[in-house]
Amino acid sequence: MIWVDLDHTLIWTWEPLISTPMMSSLFGLPISTPPTDRRYHKLRRVIIGDGYALSCARENALHLLRALRNLGELKMLTLATRPYAEAMNSTFGFGFTPEIIVAREDYQKAVRGEAPTRIDSAGVLVENIPYPKCYESERDLREKLALLGIERSRVVFVPPFVGLKQDSFQWRRTLDDVRAKLPSYTPKEA
Protein backbone atom coordinates (compact mmCIF):
# COMPACT_ATOMS: atom_id res chain seq x y z
CA MET A 1 0.00 0.00 0.00
CA ILE A 2 1.11 3.57 -0.63
CA TRP A 3 0.53 6.30 1.93
CA VAL A 4 0.80 10.01 1.23
CA ASP A 5 1.09 12.86 3.72
CA LEU A 6 -1.10 15.98 3.41
CA ASP A 7 0.52 19.11 4.92
CA HIS A 8 3.75 20.26 3.28
CA THR A 9 3.57 17.28 0.89
CA LEU A 10 0.36 17.92 -1.07
CA ILE A 11 -0.76 21.28 0.37
CA TRP A 12 0.42 24.30 2.30
CA THR A 13 -1.75 26.23 4.76
CA TRP A 14 -0.85 29.78 5.71
CA GLU A 15 -0.67 30.22 9.47
CA PRO A 16 -0.54 33.72 10.93
CA LEU A 17 2.29 34.41 13.35
CA ILE A 18 0.43 37.31 15.01
CA SER A 19 -3.29 36.56 14.84
CA THR A 20 -5.02 38.79 17.42
CA PRO A 21 -4.89 42.42 18.57
CA MET A 22 -3.68 41.20 21.98
CA MET A 23 -0.74 39.35 20.41
CA SER A 24 -0.02 42.40 18.28
CA SER A 25 0.21 44.67 21.30
CA LEU A 26 2.14 42.10 23.34
CA PHE A 27 4.83 41.59 20.69
CA GLY A 28 4.69 45.08 19.17
CA LEU A 29 4.11 43.64 15.70
CA PRO A 30 1.22 44.07 13.26
CA ILE A 31 -1.38 41.34 12.81
CA SER A 32 -0.12 38.91 10.17
CA THR A 33 -1.69 39.00 6.72
CA PRO A 34 -1.57 36.26 4.08
CA PRO A 35 1.14 36.52 1.43
CA THR A 36 0.14 38.44 -1.67
CA ASP A 37 3.57 38.09 -3.24
CA ARG A 38 3.36 36.72 -6.80
CA ARG A 39 5.92 34.05 -5.86
CA TYR A 40 3.17 32.23 -3.93
CA HIS A 41 0.33 30.16 -5.28
CA LYS A 42 -3.06 31.78 -4.88
CA LEU A 43 -4.53 30.77 -1.53
CA ARG A 44 -8.03 29.30 -1.45
CA ARG A 45 -10.44 29.67 1.43
CA VAL A 46 -11.16 26.16 2.71
CA ILE A 47 -14.19 25.90 4.99
CA ILE A 48 -13.57 23.64 8.01
CA GLY A 49 -16.52 23.43 10.38
CA ASP A 50 -17.25 26.95 11.61
CA GLY A 51 -13.86 28.26 10.53
CA TYR A 52 -11.63 28.29 7.50
CA ALA A 53 -8.03 27.97 6.40
CA LEU A 54 -6.13 29.66 3.58
CA SER A 55 -4.39 26.92 1.61
CA CYS A 56 -2.97 26.01 -1.77
CA ALA A 57 -2.14 22.70 -3.45
CA ARG A 58 1.27 21.82 -4.76
CA GLU A 59 1.50 22.04 -8.52
CA ASN A 60 1.45 18.51 -9.96
CA ALA A 61 -0.10 17.04 -6.78
CA LEU A 62 -2.96 15.61 -8.84
CA HIS A 63 -0.53 14.11 -11.38
CA LEU A 64 1.37 12.42 -8.56
CA LEU A 65 -1.80 11.04 -6.94
CA ARG A 66 -3.11 9.70 -10.25
CA ALA A 67 0.24 8.00 -10.98
CA LEU A 68 0.48 6.55 -7.45
CA ARG A 69 -3.01 5.07 -7.80
CA ASN A 70 -1.78 3.26 -10.92
CA LEU A 71 0.93 1.62 -8.79
CA GLY A 72 -1.41 0.33 -6.11
CA GLU A 73 -3.78 1.16 -3.29
CA LEU A 74 -3.32 4.74 -2.05
CA LYS A 75 -4.32 6.22 1.30
CA MET A 76 -3.79 9.56 3.01
CA LEU A 77 -1.91 9.60 6.32
CA THR A 78 -1.94 12.88 8.23
CA LEU A 79 -1.59 14.21 11.75
CA ALA A 80 -4.20 16.82 10.87
CA THR A 81 -7.76 16.44 12.13
CA ARG A 82 -10.24 14.48 10.05
CA PRO A 83 -12.44 17.54 9.27
CA TYR A 84 -9.35 19.45 8.08
CA ALA A 85 -8.09 16.53 5.94
CA GLU A 86 -11.52 15.92 4.41
CA ALA A 87 -12.01 19.63 3.65
CA MET A 88 -8.61 19.86 1.92
CA ASN A 89 -9.30 16.63 0.02
CA SER A 90 -12.64 17.96 -1.19
CA THR A 91 -11.43 21.47 -2.05
CA PHE A 92 -8.44 20.33 -4.08
CA GLY A 93 -10.07 17.25 -5.63
CA PHE A 94 -7.54 14.72 -4.34
CA GLY A 95 -10.05 11.86 -4.64
CA PHE A 96 -9.70 10.19 -1.23
CA THR A 97 -12.86 8.77 0.31
CA PRO A 98 -13.26 9.30 4.08
CA GLU A 99 -12.48 5.67 4.89
CA ILE A 100 -9.03 5.87 3.26
CA ILE A 101 -7.96 8.95 5.19
CA VAL A 102 -6.04 8.13 8.37
CA ALA A 103 -6.06 11.29 10.52
CA ARG A 104 -5.18 12.53 14.00
CA GLU A 105 -8.21 10.89 15.58
CA ASP A 106 -7.07 7.50 14.25
CA TYR A 107 -3.61 8.00 15.80
CA GLN A 108 -5.21 8.84 19.12
CA LYS A 109 -7.26 5.63 19.02
CA ALA A 110 -4.12 3.61 18.29
CA VAL A 111 -2.24 5.25 21.19
CA ARG A 112 -5.12 4.39 23.54
CA GLY A 113 -5.09 0.80 22.26
CA GLU A 114 -8.50 1.13 20.61
CA ALA A 115 -7.15 0.62 17.08
CA PRO A 116 -4.34 -1.47 15.63
CA THR A 117 -0.79 -0.24 15.12
CA ARG A 118 1.81 -1.55 12.69
CA ILE A 119 -0.99 -1.61 10.13
CA ASP A 120 1.17 -1.83 7.00
CA SER A 121 4.79 -2.86 7.50
CA ALA A 122 5.26 -3.37 3.73
CA GLY A 123 3.85 0.07 2.91
CA VAL A 124 5.61 3.07 1.43
CA LEU A 125 5.09 6.57 2.81
CA VAL A 126 5.48 9.74 0.71
CA GLU A 127 6.36 12.46 3.21
CA ASN A 128 7.94 15.89 3.23
CA ILE A 129 11.51 16.10 4.48
CA PRO A 130 11.39 17.00 8.20
CA TYR A 131 12.49 20.54 8.91
CA PRO A 132 16.07 20.67 10.22
CA LYS A 133 16.38 20.92 13.99
CA CYS A 134 12.58 20.79 14.37
CA TYR A 135 11.70 18.32 17.11
CA GLU A 136 7.99 18.43 16.29
CA SER A 137 8.62 17.54 12.65
CA GLU A 138 10.78 14.54 13.58
CA ARG A 139 8.32 13.45 16.28
CA ASP A 140 5.45 13.53 13.77
CA LEU A 141 7.42 11.33 11.38
CA ARG A 142 8.26 8.85 14.17
CA GLU A 143 4.55 8.63 15.07
CA LYS A 144 3.62 7.87 11.47
CA LEU A 145 6.33 5.22 11.16
CA ALA A 146 5.17 3.60 14.42
CA LEU A 147 1.54 3.56 13.32
CA LEU A 148 2.38 1.97 9.98
CA GLY A 149 5.08 -0.28 11.42
CA ILE A 150 7.59 0.70 8.75
CA GLU A 151 11.27 1.60 8.84
CA ARG A 152 12.51 5.02 7.79
CA SER A 153 13.98 3.33 4.68
CA ARG A 154 10.39 2.83 3.39
CA VAL A 155 9.80 6.58 3.23
CA VAL A 156 10.11 8.56 0.01
CA PHE A 157 11.00 12.07 1.09
CA VAL A 158 9.97 15.08 -0.99
CA PRO A 159 10.95 18.73 -0.52
CA PRO A 160 8.58 20.48 1.93
CA PHE A 161 5.95 22.56 0.12
CA VAL A 162 5.67 26.08 1.52
CA GLY A 163 3.27 27.60 -1.00
CA LEU A 164 5.85 28.95 -3.42
CA LYS A 165 5.40 28.52 -7.17
CA GLN A 166 9.14 27.87 -7.47
CA ASP A 167 9.28 24.33 -6.08
CA SER A 168 11.96 21.67 -6.51
CA PHE A 169 9.40 18.84 -6.29
CA GLN A 170 9.60 16.36 -9.18
CA TRP A 171 6.56 14.10 -9.23
CA ARG A 172 7.97 11.64 -11.77
CA ARG A 173 11.10 11.10 -9.68
CA THR A 174 8.90 10.61 -6.60
CA LEU A 175 6.89 8.04 -8.54
CA ASP A 176 10.07 6.16 -9.52
CA ASP A 177 11.28 6.22 -5.91
CA VAL A 178 7.95 4.80 -4.67
CA ARG A 179 7.98 2.12 -7.37
CA ALA A 180 11.48 1.06 -6.29
CA LYS A 181 10.36 0.62 -2.65
CA LEU A 182 7.18 -1.35 -3.35
CA PRO A 183 7.61 -5.04 -2.47
CA SER A 184 6.12 -6.30 -5.72
CA TYR A 185 5.08 -3.78 -8.29
CA THR A 186 2.71 -5.14 -10.89
CA PRO A 187 1.09 -2.58 -13.20
CA LYS A 188 -2.69 -2.34 -12.89
CA GLU A 189 -4.75 -3.61 -15.81
CA ALA A 190 -6.04 -0.77 -17.99
C-alpha atoms as a PDB file:
ATOM      1  CA  MET A   1       0.000   0.000   0.000  1.00  0.00           C
ATOM      2  CA  ILE A   2       1.109   3.575  -0.629  1.00  0.00           C
ATOM      3  CA  TRP A   3       0.533   6.299   1.933  1.00  0.00           C
ATOM      4  CA  VAL A   4       0.804  10.013   1.227  1.00  0.00           C
ATOM      5  CA  ASP A   5       1.085  12.859   3.719  1.00  0.00           C
ATOM      6  CA  LEU A   6      -1.095  15.976   3.411  1.00  0.00           C
ATOM      7  CA  ASP A   7       0.517  19.114   4.924  1.00  0.00           C
ATOM      8  CA  HIS A   8       3.755  20.261   3.279  1.00  0.00           C
ATOM      9  CA  THR A   9       3.571  17.284   0.886  1.00  0.00           C
ATOM     10  CA  LEU A  10       0.362  17.924  -1.075  1.00  0.00           C
ATOM     11  CA  ILE A  11      -0.764  21.281   0.373  1.00  0.00           C
ATOM     12  CA  TRP A  12       0.416  24.301   2.301  1.00  0.00           C
ATOM     13  CA  THR A  13      -1.746  26.230   4.755  1.00  0.00           C
ATOM     14  CA  TRP A  14      -0.855  29.776   5.711  1.00  0.00           C
ATOM     15  CA  GLU A  15      -0.670  30.217   9.469  1.00  0.00           C
ATOM     16  CA  PRO A  16      -0.539  33.722  10.930  1.00  0.00           C
ATOM     17  CA  LEU A  17       2.285  34.412  13.347  1.00  0.00           C
ATOM     18  CA  ILE A  18       0.429  37.306  15.011  1.00  0.00           C
ATOM     19  CA  SER A  19      -3.286  36.560  14.838  1.00  0.00           C
ATOM     20  CA  THR A  20      -5.024  38.788  17.419  1.00  0.00           C
ATOM     21  CA  PRO A  21      -4.887  42.416  18.571  1.00  0.00           C
ATOM     22  CA  MET A  22      -3.685  41.200  21.979  1.00  0.00           C
ATOM     23  CA  MET A  23      -0.738  39.345  20.409  1.00  0.00           C
ATOM     24  CA  SER A  24      -0.018  42.395  18.283  1.00  0.00           C
ATOM     25  CA  SER A  25       0.206  44.666  21.300  1.00  0.00           C
ATOM     26  CA  LEU A  26       2.139  42.103  23.342  1.00  0.00           C
ATOM     27  CA  PHE A  27       4.832  41.594  20.695  1.00  0.00           C
ATOM     28  CA  GLY A  28       4.688  45.076  19.169  1.00  0.00           C
ATOM     29  CA  LEU A  29       4.112  43.638  15.702  1.00  0.00           C
ATOM     30  CA  PRO A  30       1.219  44.074  13.263  1.00  0.00           C
ATOM     31  CA  ILE A  31      -1.378  41.336  12.806  1.00  0.00           C
ATOM     32  CA  SER A  32      -0.118  38.908  10.173  1.00  0.00           C
ATOM     33  CA  THR A  33      -1.691  38.997   6.725  1.00  0.00           C
ATOM     34  CA  PRO A  34      -1.574  36.260   4.080  1.00  0.00           C
ATOM     35  CA  PRO A  35       1.136  36.523   1.430  1.00  0.00           C
ATOM     36  CA  THR A  36       0.140  38.442  -1.674  1.00  0.00           C
ATOM     37  CA  ASP A  37       3.570  38.094  -3.242  1.00  0.00           C
ATOM     38  CA  ARG A  38       3.361  36.717  -6.803  1.00  0.00           C
ATOM     39  CA  ARG A  39       5.924  34.053  -5.856  1.00  0.00           C
ATOM     40  CA  TYR A  40       3.173  32.234  -3.930  1.00  0.00           C
ATOM     41  CA  HIS A  41       0.330  30.156  -5.282  1.00  0.00           C
ATOM     42  CA  LYS A  42      -3.065  31.782  -4.877  1.00  0.00           C
ATOM     43  CA  LEU A  43      -4.533  30.768  -1.532  1.00  0.00           C
ATOM     44  CA  ARG A  44      -8.033  29.297  -1.450  1.00  0.00           C
ATOM     45  CA  ARG A  45     -10.444  29.669   1.432  1.00  0.00           C
ATOM     46  CA  VAL A  46     -11.162  26.162   2.711  1.00  0.00           C
ATOM     47  CA  ILE A  47     -14.186  25.902   4.994  1.00  0.00           C
ATOM     48  CA  ILE A  48     -13.574  23.643   8.007  1.00  0.00           C
ATOM     49  CA  GLY A  49     -16.520  23.432  10.375  1.00  0.00           C
ATOM     50  CA  ASP A  50     -17.254  26.952  11.607  1.00  0.00           C
ATOM     51  CA  GLY A  51     -13.859  28.263  10.526  1.00  0.00           C
ATOM     52  CA  TYR A  52     -11.633  28.291   7.502  1.00  0.00           C
ATOM     53  CA  ALA A  53      -8.033  27.967   6.402  1.00  0.00           C
ATOM     54  CA  LEU A  54      -6.134  29.655   3.581  1.00  0.00           C
ATOM     55  CA  SER A  55      -4.394  26.923   1.607  1.00  0.00           C
ATOM     56  CA  CYS A  56      -2.965  26.007  -1.767  1.00  0.00           C
ATOM     57  CA  ALA A  57      -2.139  22.696  -3.445  1.00  0.00           C
ATOM     58  CA  ARG A  58       1.271  21.815  -4.761  1.00  0.00           C
ATOM     59  CA  GLU A  59       1.498  22.043  -8.523  1.00  0.00           C
ATOM     60  CA  ASN A  60       1.449  18.508  -9.957  1.00  0.00           C
ATOM     61  CA  ALA A  61      -0.097  17.038  -6.783  1.00  0.00           C
ATOM     62  CA  LEU A  62      -2.961  15.613  -8.836  1.00  0.00           C
ATOM     63  CA  HIS A  63      -0.528  14.113 -11.385  1.00  0.00           C
ATOM     64  CA  LEU A  64       1.368  12.423  -8.557  1.00  0.00           C
ATOM     65  CA  LEU A  65      -1.799  11.035  -6.943  1.00  0.00           C
ATOM     66  CA  ARG A  66      -3.108   9.696 -10.255  1.00  0.00           C
ATOM     67  CA  ALA A  67       0.238   7.998 -10.979  1.00  0.00           C
ATOM     68  CA  LEU A  68       0.478   6.547  -7.451  1.00  0.00           C
ATOM     69  CA  ARG A  69      -3.014   5.071  -7.805  1.00  0.00           C
ATOM     70  CA  ASN A  70      -1.785   3.256 -10.918  1.00  0.00           C
ATOM     71  CA  LEU A  71       0.930   1.618  -8.790  1.00  0.00           C
ATOM     72  CA  GLY A  72      -1.412   0.327  -6.106  1.00  0.00           C
ATOM     73  CA  GLU A  73      -3.784   1.158  -3.288  1.00  0.00           C
ATOM     74  CA  LEU A  74      -3.315   4.738  -2.055  1.00  0.00           C
ATOM     75  CA  LYS A  75      -4.321   6.218   1.298  1.00  0.00           C
ATOM     76  CA  MET A  76      -3.794   9.560   3.015  1.00  0.00           C
ATOM     77  CA  LEU A  77      -1.915   9.599   6.317  1.00  0.00           C
ATOM     78  CA  THR A  78      -1.938  12.885   8.230  1.00  0.00           C
ATOM     79  CA  LEU A  79      -1.589  14.207  11.746  1.00  0.00           C
ATOM     80  CA  ALA A  80      -4.200  16.821  10.867  1.00  0.00           C
ATOM     81  CA  THR A  81      -7.758  16.440  12.130  1.00  0.00           C
ATOM     82  CA  ARG A  82     -10.239  14.476  10.050  1.00  0.00           C
ATOM     83  CA  PRO A  83     -12.441  17.538   9.267  1.00  0.00           C
ATOM     84  CA  TYR A  84      -9.350  19.454   8.077  1.00  0.00           C
ATOM     85  CA  ALA A  85      -8.093  16.535   5.940  1.00  0.00           C
ATOM     86  CA  GLU A  86     -11.521  15.919   4.410  1.00  0.00           C
ATOM     87  CA  ALA A  87     -12.006  19.632   3.647  1.00  0.00           C
ATOM     88  CA  MET A  88      -8.606  19.862   1.921  1.00  0.00           C
ATOM     89  CA  ASN A  89      -9.296  16.634   0.018  1.00  0.00           C
ATOM     90  CA  SER A  90     -12.641  17.962  -1.194  1.00  0.00           C
ATOM     91  CA  THR A  91     -11.428  21.474  -2.054  1.00  0.00           C
ATOM     92  CA  PHE A  92      -8.436  20.334  -4.080  1.00  0.00           C
ATOM     93  CA  GLY A  93     -10.074  17.249  -5.631  1.00  0.00           C
ATOM     94  CA  PHE A  94      -7.537  14.720  -4.339  1.00  0.00           C
ATOM     95  CA  GLY A  95     -10.049  11.865  -4.635  1.00  0.00           C
ATOM     96  CA  PHE A  96      -9.699  10.193  -1.232  1.00  0.00           C
ATOM     97  CA  THR A  97     -12.864   8.766   0.308  1.00  0.00           C
ATOM     98  CA  PRO A  98     -13.259   9.305   4.077  1.00  0.00           C
ATOM     99  CA  GLU A  99     -12.482   5.668   4.885  1.00  0.00           C
ATOM    100  CA  ILE A 100      -9.033   5.868   3.256  1.00  0.00           C
ATOM    101  CA  ILE A 101      -7.956   8.954   5.188  1.00  0.00           C
ATOM    102  CA  VAL A 102      -6.044   8.126   8.373  1.00  0.00           C
ATOM    103  CA  ALA A 103      -6.064  11.287  10.516  1.00  0.00           C
ATOM    104  CA  ARG A 104      -5.175  12.529  14.005  1.00  0.00           C
ATOM    105  CA  GLU A 105      -8.214  10.893  15.581  1.00  0.00           C
ATOM    106  CA  ASP A 106      -7.069   7.501  14.250  1.00  0.00           C
ATOM    107  CA  TYR A 107      -3.610   7.997  15.799  1.00  0.00           C
ATOM    108  CA  GLN A 108      -5.208   8.843  19.125  1.00  0.00           C
ATOM    109  CA  LYS A 109      -7.259   5.629  19.024  1.00  0.00           C
ATOM    110  CA  ALA A 110      -4.117   3.612  18.288  1.00  0.00           C
ATOM    111  CA  VAL A 111      -2.242   5.250  21.186  1.00  0.00           C
ATOM    112  CA  ARG A 112      -5.123   4.393  23.539  1.00  0.00           C
ATOM    113  CA  GLY A 113      -5.089   0.796  22.255  1.00  0.00           C
ATOM    114  CA  GLU A 114      -8.505   1.132  20.612  1.00  0.00           C
ATOM    115  CA  ALA A 115      -7.145   0.617  17.083  1.00  0.00           C
ATOM    116  CA  PRO A 116      -4.339  -1.474  15.631  1.00  0.00           C
ATOM    117  CA  THR A 117      -0.789  -0.242  15.123  1.00  0.00           C
ATOM    118  CA  ARG A 118       1.807  -1.547  12.693  1.00  0.00           C
ATOM    119  CA  ILE A 119      -0.985  -1.606  10.131  1.00  0.00           C
ATOM    120  CA  ASP A 120       1.166  -1.833   6.998  1.00  0.00           C
ATOM    121  CA  SER A 121       4.789  -2.856   7.505  1.00  0.00           C
ATOM    122  CA  ALA A 122       5.256  -3.366   3.734  1.00  0.00           C
ATOM    123  CA  GLY A 123       3.847   0.067   2.906  1.00  0.00           C
ATOM    124  CA  VAL A 124       5.613   3.069   1.432  1.00  0.00           C
ATOM    125  CA  LEU A 125       5.087   6.570   2.809  1.00  0.00           C
ATOM    126  CA  VAL A 126       5.476   9.742   0.709  1.00  0.00           C
ATOM    127  CA  GLU A 127       6.364  12.456   3.211  1.00  0.00           C
ATOM    128  CA  ASN A 128       7.941  15.894   3.225  1.00  0.00           C
ATOM    129  CA  ILE A 129      11.507  16.103   4.483  1.00  0.00           C
ATOM    130  CA  PRO A 130      11.391  16.995   8.196  1.00  0.00           C
ATOM    131  CA  TYR A 131      12.493  20.538   8.911  1.00  0.00           C
ATOM    132  CA  PRO A 132      16.068  20.668  10.220  1.00  0.00           C
ATOM    133  CA  LYS A 133      16.377  20.919  13.991  1.00  0.00           C
ATOM    134  CA  CYS A 134      12.579  20.792  14.367  1.00  0.00           C
ATOM    135  CA  TYR A 135      11.701  18.322  17.113  1.00  0.00           C
ATOM    136  CA  GLU A 136       7.995  18.429  16.295  1.00  0.00           C
ATOM    137  CA  SER A 137       8.616  17.544  12.649  1.00  0.00           C
ATOM    138  CA  GLU A 138      10.785  14.542  13.582  1.00  0.00           C
ATOM    139  CA  ARG A 139       8.321  13.447  16.282  1.00  0.00           C
ATOM    140  CA  ASP A 140       5.451  13.535  13.774  1.00  0.00           C
ATOM    141  CA  LEU A 141       7.416  11.334  11.385  1.00  0.00           C
ATOM    142  CA  ARG A 142       8.260   8.849  14.165  1.00  0.00           C
ATOM    143  CA  GLU A 143       4.553   8.633  15.074  1.00  0.00           C
ATOM    144  CA  LYS A 144       3.618   7.866  11.470  1.00  0.00           C
ATOM    145  CA  LEU A 145       6.328   5.219  11.163  1.00  0.00           C
ATOM    146  CA  ALA A 146       5.171   3.598  14.424  1.00  0.00           C
ATOM    147  CA  LEU A 147       1.536   3.561  13.319  1.00  0.00           C
ATOM    148  CA  LEU A 148       2.380   1.967   9.983  1.00  0.00           C
ATOM    149  CA  GLY A 149       5.079  -0.283  11.425  1.00  0.00           C
ATOM    150  CA  ILE A 150       7.592   0.696   8.751  1.00  0.00           C
ATOM    151  CA  GLU A 151      11.265   1.603   8.836  1.00  0.00           C
ATOM    152  CA  ARG A 152      12.507   5.020   7.789  1.00  0.00           C
ATOM    153  CA  SER A 153      13.976   3.330   4.683  1.00  0.00           C
ATOM    154  CA  ARG A 154      10.394   2.828   3.395  1.00  0.00           C
ATOM    155  CA  VAL A 155       9.803   6.584   3.233  1.00  0.00           C
ATOM    156  CA  VAL A 156      10.106   8.556   0.007  1.00  0.00           C
ATOM    157  CA  PHE A 157      11.002  12.069   1.090  1.00  0.00           C
ATOM    158  CA  VAL A 158       9.973  15.082  -0.994  1.00  0.00           C
ATOM    159  CA  PRO A 159      10.949  18.728  -0.517  1.00  0.00           C
ATOM    160  CA  PRO A 160       8.581  20.483   1.928  1.00  0.00           C
ATOM    161  CA  PHE A 161       5.948  22.558   0.123  1.00  0.00           C
ATOM    162  CA  VAL A 162       5.674  26.083   1.522  1.00  0.00           C
ATOM    163  CA  GLY A 163       3.270  27.605  -0.998  1.00  0.00           C
ATOM    164  CA  LEU A 164       5.850  28.954  -3.419  1.00  0.00           C
ATOM    165  CA  LYS A 165       5.396  28.516  -7.170  1.00  0.00           C
ATOM    166  CA  GLN A 166       9.140  27.871  -7.470  1.00  0.00           C
ATOM    167  CA  ASP A 167       9.279  24.330  -6.079  1.00  0.00           C
ATOM    168  CA  SER A 168      11.963  21.674  -6.510  1.00  0.00           C
ATOM    169  CA  PHE A 169       9.399  18.840  -6.289  1.00  0.00           C
ATOM    170  CA  GLN A 170       9.598  16.356  -9.176  1.00  0.00           C
ATOM    171  CA  TRP A 171       6.560  14.098  -9.226  1.00  0.00           C
ATOM    172  CA  ARG A 172       7.971  11.642 -11.773  1.00  0.00           C
ATOM    173  CA  ARG A 173      11.097  11.104  -9.676  1.00  0.00           C
ATOM    174  CA  THR A 174       8.902  10.605  -6.600  1.00  0.00           C
ATOM    175  CA  LEU A 175       6.886   8.042  -8.541  1.00  0.00           C
ATOM    176  CA  ASP A 176      10.072   6.157  -9.517  1.00  0.00           C
ATOM    177  CA  ASP A 177      11.277   6.224  -5.905  1.00  0.00           C
ATOM    178  CA  VAL A 178       7.951   4.796  -4.675  1.00  0.00           C
ATOM    179  CA  ARG A 179       7.984   2.117  -7.366  1.00  0.00           C
ATOM    180  CA  ALA A 180      11.483   1.056  -6.287  1.00  0.00           C
ATOM    181  CA  LYS A 181      10.361   0.616  -2.651  1.00  0.00           C
ATOM    182  CA  LEU A 182       7.184  -1.351  -3.354  1.00  0.00           C
ATOM    183  CA  PRO A 183       7.613  -5.042  -2.474  1.00  0.00           C
ATOM    184  CA  SER A 184       6.122  -6.303  -5.719  1.00  0.00           C
ATOM    185  CA  TYR A 185       5.079  -3.777  -8.287  1.00  0.00           C
ATOM    186  CA  THR A 186       2.708  -5.141 -10.889  1.00  0.00           C
ATOM    187  CA  PRO A 187       1.094  -2.583 -13.199  1.00  0.00           C
ATOM    188  CA  LYS A 188      -2.689  -2.335 -12.887  1.00  0.00           C
ATOM    189  CA  GLU A 189      -4.748  -3.606 -15.811  1.00  0.00           C
ATOM    190  CA  ALA A 190      -6.038  -0.769 -17.987  1.00  0.00           C
END
